[in-house]
Protein backbone atom coordinates (compact mmCIF):
# COMPACT_ATOMS: atom_id res chain seq x y z
CA MET A 1 8.68 -11.88 -6.12
CA ASP A 2 11.99 -11.46 -7.95
CA PRO A 3 12.61 -10.14 -11.50
CA GLN A 4 13.90 -13.41 -12.91
CA TRP A 5 10.78 -15.31 -11.90
CA LEU A 6 8.60 -12.62 -13.43
CA ALA A 7 10.60 -12.64 -16.67
CA GLU A 8 10.08 -16.39 -16.94
CA ASN A 9 6.37 -16.28 -16.11
CA GLN A 10 5.13 -13.10 -17.77
CA ASP A 11 2.55 -14.92 -19.85
CA SER A 12 0.82 -16.41 -16.82
CA VAL A 13 0.33 -13.21 -14.79
CA THR A 14 -1.10 -9.72 -15.15
CA ILE A 15 1.55 -7.03 -14.61
CA ILE A 16 0.44 -3.68 -13.22
CA ASP A 17 2.59 -0.55 -13.26
CA ALA A 18 1.49 1.43 -10.21
CA SER A 19 3.65 4.50 -10.88
CA GLY A 20 0.62 6.43 -12.07
CA ASN A 21 2.52 8.64 -14.51
CA LEU A 22 1.98 8.14 -18.24
CA ASP A 23 5.16 9.98 -19.27
CA ASP A 24 7.30 7.79 -17.02
CA PHE A 25 5.45 4.72 -18.25
CA LEU A 26 6.20 5.57 -21.87
CA GLU A 27 9.87 6.16 -21.08
CA GLY A 28 10.16 2.52 -20.14
CA HIS A 29 8.18 -0.17 -18.36
CA ILE A 30 8.14 -3.93 -18.00
CA PRO A 31 6.93 -5.46 -21.29
CA GLY A 32 3.26 -6.35 -21.14
CA ALA A 33 2.55 -4.17 -18.11
CA ALA A 34 -0.55 -1.98 -17.94
CA LEU A 35 -0.56 1.43 -16.27
CA LEU A 36 -3.15 1.77 -13.52
CA PRO A 37 -4.32 5.37 -13.00
CA ARG A 38 -3.45 6.58 -9.51
CA GLU A 39 -6.98 7.83 -8.91
CA SER A 40 -8.18 4.23 -9.20
CA VAL A 41 -6.90 3.56 -5.68
CA TRP A 42 -6.33 7.02 -4.18
CA ASP A 43 -8.88 9.83 -4.33
CA THR A 44 -10.42 12.67 -2.37
CA VAL A 45 -13.66 11.62 -0.71
CA SER A 46 -15.76 13.99 1.42
CA GLY A 47 -12.84 16.42 1.50
CA VAL A 48 -10.32 13.83 2.73
CA SER A 49 -7.43 13.06 0.39
CA GLY A 50 -5.98 9.57 0.12
CA MET A 51 -9.22 7.62 0.38
CA LEU A 52 -10.14 4.60 -1.68
CA PRO A 53 -12.79 5.42 -4.26
CA ASP A 54 -16.11 3.61 -4.28
CA PRO A 55 -15.23 -0.11 -4.64
CA GLU A 56 -17.37 -0.62 -7.72
CA ILE A 57 -15.75 2.33 -9.50
CA ALA A 58 -12.25 1.22 -8.49
CA ALA A 59 -12.96 -2.29 -9.76
CA LEU A 60 -13.97 -0.95 -13.18
CA ASP A 61 -10.60 0.81 -13.58
CA ILE A 62 -8.75 -2.27 -12.35
CA ALA A 63 -10.59 -4.51 -14.82
CA ASP A 64 -9.77 -2.03 -17.59
CA ALA A 65 -6.09 -2.57 -16.73
CA GLY A 66 -6.48 -6.25 -17.58
CA VAL A 67 -6.97 -7.71 -14.11
CA PHE A 68 -8.87 -10.99 -13.97
CA GLN A 69 -10.48 -12.49 -10.90
CA ASP A 70 -8.47 -15.73 -10.89
CA ARG A 71 -5.25 -14.69 -12.62
CA PRO A 72 -2.23 -13.73 -10.48
CA VAL A 73 -1.31 -10.04 -10.44
CA VAL A 74 2.22 -8.66 -10.04
CA VAL A 75 2.44 -4.99 -9.07
CA TYR A 76 5.49 -2.74 -9.30
CA ASP A 77 6.39 0.93 -9.48
CA GLY A 78 9.35 2.99 -10.59
CA GLY A 79 10.15 4.31 -7.15
CA ASN A 80 10.53 2.88 -3.69
CA GLY A 81 7.52 0.60 -3.60
CA LEU A 82 5.03 3.00 -2.03
CA TRP A 83 2.52 3.05 -4.86
CA ALA A 84 2.97 -0.64 -5.60
CA SER A 85 2.10 -1.26 -1.95
CA ARG A 86 -0.97 0.96 -2.16
CA VAL A 87 -2.23 -0.99 -5.17
CA PHE A 88 -1.36 -4.31 -3.48
CA TRP A 89 -3.45 -3.38 -0.45
CA ALA A 90 -6.29 -1.99 -2.57
CA LEU A 91 -6.48 -5.19 -4.61
CA GLU A 92 -6.52 -7.35 -1.49
CA TYR A 93 -9.17 -5.14 0.10
CA LEU A 94 -11.27 -5.33 -3.06
CA GLY A 95 -11.11 -9.11 -2.93
CA HIS A 96 -8.28 -10.27 -5.18
CA SER A 97 -6.58 -13.24 -3.55
CA ARG A 98 -3.48 -13.64 -5.75
CA VAL A 99 -1.58 -10.34 -5.58
CA HIS A 100 2.21 -10.07 -5.51
CA ILE A 101 4.78 -7.26 -5.47
CA LEU A 102 7.91 -7.19 -7.60
CA ASP A 103 10.47 -6.66 -4.86
CA GLY A 104 12.66 -3.69 -5.75
CA GLY A 105 10.33 -2.60 -8.54
CA LEU A 106 11.50 -1.32 -11.89
CA ALA A 107 15.00 -0.69 -10.54
CA ALA A 108 15.39 -4.38 -9.70
CA TRP A 109 14.13 -5.35 -13.16
CA THR A 110 16.68 -3.18 -14.95
CA ALA A 111 19.45 -4.18 -12.52
CA ALA A 112 18.83 -7.77 -13.58
CA GLY A 113 19.59 -6.77 -17.17
CA LEU A 114 16.02 -7.23 -18.36
CA GLU A 115 14.60 -5.16 -21.20
CA LEU A 116 12.07 -2.36 -20.99
CA SER A 117 9.28 -1.47 -23.39
CA ALA A 118 8.18 1.98 -24.52
CA GLU A 119 5.00 0.70 -26.14
CA ALA A 120 1.63 1.59 -24.64
CA GLU A 121 -0.01 -1.81 -24.86
CA VAL A 122 -3.80 -1.90 -24.53
CA PRO A 123 -4.65 -4.88 -22.33
CA ALA A 124 -7.65 -7.09 -22.84
CA ARG A 125 -10.28 -6.05 -20.34
CA GLY A 126 -10.36 -8.27 -17.29
CA ASP A 127 -13.34 -9.59 -15.38
CA PHE A 128 -12.38 -8.27 -11.95
CA THR A 129 -15.28 -7.22 -9.74
CA ALA A 130 -15.26 -5.80 -6.24
CA ASN A 131 -15.72 -8.06 -3.25
CA PRO A 132 -14.60 -5.80 -0.39
CA GLN A 133 -12.91 -7.35 2.64
CA PRO A 134 -13.90 -5.06 5.54
CA GLU A 135 -11.33 -6.65 7.87
CA LEU A 136 -8.53 -5.04 5.82
CA ILE A 137 -9.60 -1.41 6.25
CA ALA A 138 -10.18 0.90 9.21
CA ASP A 139 -11.94 4.21 9.62
CA ALA A 140 -11.77 6.78 12.39
CA ASP A 141 -14.68 5.25 14.28
CA TYR A 142 -12.97 1.85 14.31
CA ILE A 143 -9.77 3.28 15.73
CA LEU A 144 -11.64 5.38 18.28
CA ALA A 145 -13.53 2.31 19.47
CA ASN A 146 -10.27 0.37 19.90
CA LEU A 147 -8.03 2.97 21.54
CA ASP A 148 -8.03 0.98 24.79
CA ASN A 149 -7.98 -2.44 23.15
CA GLN A 150 -4.64 -4.06 24.00
CA SER A 151 -5.08 -6.50 21.09
CA VAL A 152 -5.09 -3.69 18.50
CA THR A 153 -1.87 -1.79 17.76
CA VAL A 154 -2.14 1.48 15.83
CA LEU A 155 1.04 1.68 13.77
CA ASP A 156 2.01 5.21 12.72
CA THR A 157 4.34 4.93 9.72
CA ARG A 158 5.07 8.64 9.33
CA SER A 159 8.35 10.37 10.14
CA ALA A 160 9.35 11.04 13.74
CA GLY A 161 8.71 14.76 13.24
CA GLU A 162 5.16 14.16 12.06
CA TYR A 163 4.54 11.78 14.95
CA THR A 164 5.80 14.16 17.65
CA GLY A 165 3.94 17.13 16.19
CA GLU A 166 6.96 19.12 15.07
CA ASP A 167 6.12 18.56 11.40
CA VAL A 168 2.49 19.61 11.06
CA ARG A 169 0.61 18.58 7.90
CA ALA A 170 -2.98 19.04 9.03
CA ALA A 171 -4.91 21.41 11.28
CA ARG A 172 -3.25 19.65 14.21
CA GLY A 173 0.07 17.88 14.58
CA GLY A 174 0.88 14.88 16.70
CA HIS A 175 -0.37 11.32 16.76
CA ILE A 176 -3.23 9.07 17.81
CA PRO A 177 -3.01 8.31 21.55
CA GLY A 178 -1.28 5.00 22.18
CA SER A 179 -0.01 4.60 18.62
CA VAL A 180 3.48 3.27 17.93
CA ASN A 181 5.83 5.03 15.50
CA ILE A 182 7.80 2.84 13.08
CA GLU A 183 8.56 4.87 9.98
CA TRP A 184 7.91 3.03 6.75
CA THR A 185 11.48 3.68 5.54
CA GLN A 186 12.66 1.12 8.08
CA ASN A 187 11.05 -1.55 5.89
CA VAL A 188 13.46 -0.80 3.04
CA GLY A 189 16.79 -2.52 2.58
CA GLN A 190 19.21 -2.46 -0.32
CA GLY A 191 18.08 -1.53 -3.81
CA ARG A 192 14.61 -0.40 -2.75
CA SER A 193 13.69 -3.96 -1.79
CA PHE A 194 12.06 -4.94 1.47
CA LYS A 195 14.48 -5.96 4.18
CA PRO A 196 14.92 -9.70 4.76
CA ALA A 197 12.20 -11.29 6.88
CA GLY A 198 14.52 -11.69 9.85
CA GLU A 199 15.24 -7.98 9.99
CA LEU A 200 11.59 -7.05 9.56
CA ALA A 201 10.64 -9.46 12.34
CA GLN A 202 13.11 -7.77 14.70
CA LEU A 203 11.42 -4.47 13.86
CA TYR A 204 7.79 -5.51 14.31
CA ASP A 205 7.59 -8.53 16.58
CA GLN A 206 8.52 -6.40 19.58
CA VAL A 207 5.49 -4.13 19.12
CA VAL A 208 2.82 -6.27 17.40
CA ASP A 209 2.09 -9.83 18.48
CA GLN A 210 1.34 -12.18 15.59
CA SER A 211 -2.03 -13.03 17.13
CA ASP A 212 -3.03 -9.38 17.53
CA GLU A 213 -4.21 -6.81 15.01
CA ALA A 214 -2.28 -3.91 13.51
CA VAL A 215 -3.77 -0.80 11.91
CA ALA A 216 -1.29 1.11 9.75
CA LEU A 217 -1.67 4.80 9.01
CA CYS A 218 0.33 7.72 7.63
CA GLN A 219 -0.83 10.99 6.06
CA THR A 220 -2.87 9.67 3.13
CA GLY A 221 -2.69 5.88 3.32
CA VAL A 222 0.28 5.27 1.02
CA ARG A 223 3.16 4.89 3.47
CA GLY A 224 0.81 2.93 5.69
CA ALA A 225 0.18 0.52 2.83
CA HIS A 226 3.94 -0.11 2.57
CA SER A 227 4.00 -1.25 6.20
CA TYR A 228 0.84 -3.29 5.56
CA VAL A 229 2.82 -5.21 2.95
CA ALA A 230 5.78 -5.63 5.31
CA LEU A 231 3.53 -7.16 7.94
CA ARG A 232 1.85 -9.40 5.37
CA LEU A 233 5.29 -10.61 4.26
CA LEU A 234 5.93 -11.60 7.87
CA GLY A 235 2.73 -13.62 7.97
CA TYR A 236 0.56 -11.29 10.03
CA GLN A 237 -3.06 -12.17 9.33
CA LYS A 238 -4.83 -9.24 11.01
CA VAL A 239 -3.65 -6.04 9.35
CA ARG A 240 -5.70 -3.03 8.27
CA VAL A 241 -4.93 0.30 6.63
CA TYR A 242 -6.60 3.47 7.88
CA ASP A 243 -6.88 5.18 4.50
CA GLY A 244 -8.18 8.43 5.95
CA SER A 245 -5.01 8.53 8.05
CA TRP A 246 -3.74 11.87 9.39
CA ALA A 247 -5.41 13.81 6.58
CA GLU A 248 -8.66 12.94 8.32
CA TRP A 249 -7.67 12.45 11.98
CA GLY A 250 -5.51 15.56 12.19
CA ASN A 251 -8.25 17.74 10.72
CA ARG A 252 -11.10 16.54 12.95
CA GLU A 253 -11.33 18.49 16.18
CA ASP A 254 -13.52 15.78 17.75
CA LEU A 255 -10.71 13.19 17.71
CA PRO A 256 -8.01 12.93 20.40
CA VAL A 257 -4.39 13.85 19.64
CA GLU A 258 -1.14 13.48 21.59
CA GLN A 259 2.05 15.45 21.09
CA LEU A 260 5.57 14.87 22.40
């Protein structure tokens, strides 16, 4: 979604600022946007950081931000789209069917010459409730059960150093056996926007068939969500995020690891 369309249709959508920082929000945000607390979609569960909270609890926070079940939602952030992507995926997982991302985020909005607001608007509470879609999420058991499944591609969106095991951010470094490394930064083109579909297709079509399934992971499920969005933009229908990601896999001695 582009800034001009959003500017012309603000009254017909709910706008969510996914930056998660109140000070940044008050410095300037898209008029009418509501700030969604980061912990609404990213929390520590059973000692693993980066997990989705309980769906019912997450849905309460999302409704408090003014999200309605049948009203389109446009998500953005003030950075490079990582947190907007995390919220996009969380909303789809929780059952919202009309979620969009402002391509390029706040930077694209200001580059288009559109005004910002410094007012902390209090949105009317929405009626959003959780209806989890289990086909959009993966856990360690799911990945373990599909390690030899040629129709499931585990997509590691971390840096090359993390993937090879040189950059260790858990008890163990390395990657899930058989996983493919395409760093999330390769999704990004000019101005923090996603690359054109043709370029993204060249990146992904060679490793994930459209009829197969992809499971995206990173360290804590944020970078993985960015690649989830990229695949969704390309029309992939079977995409999951492993929200435990390396924060879980790399710290569990019972799970297999490869290093290069």
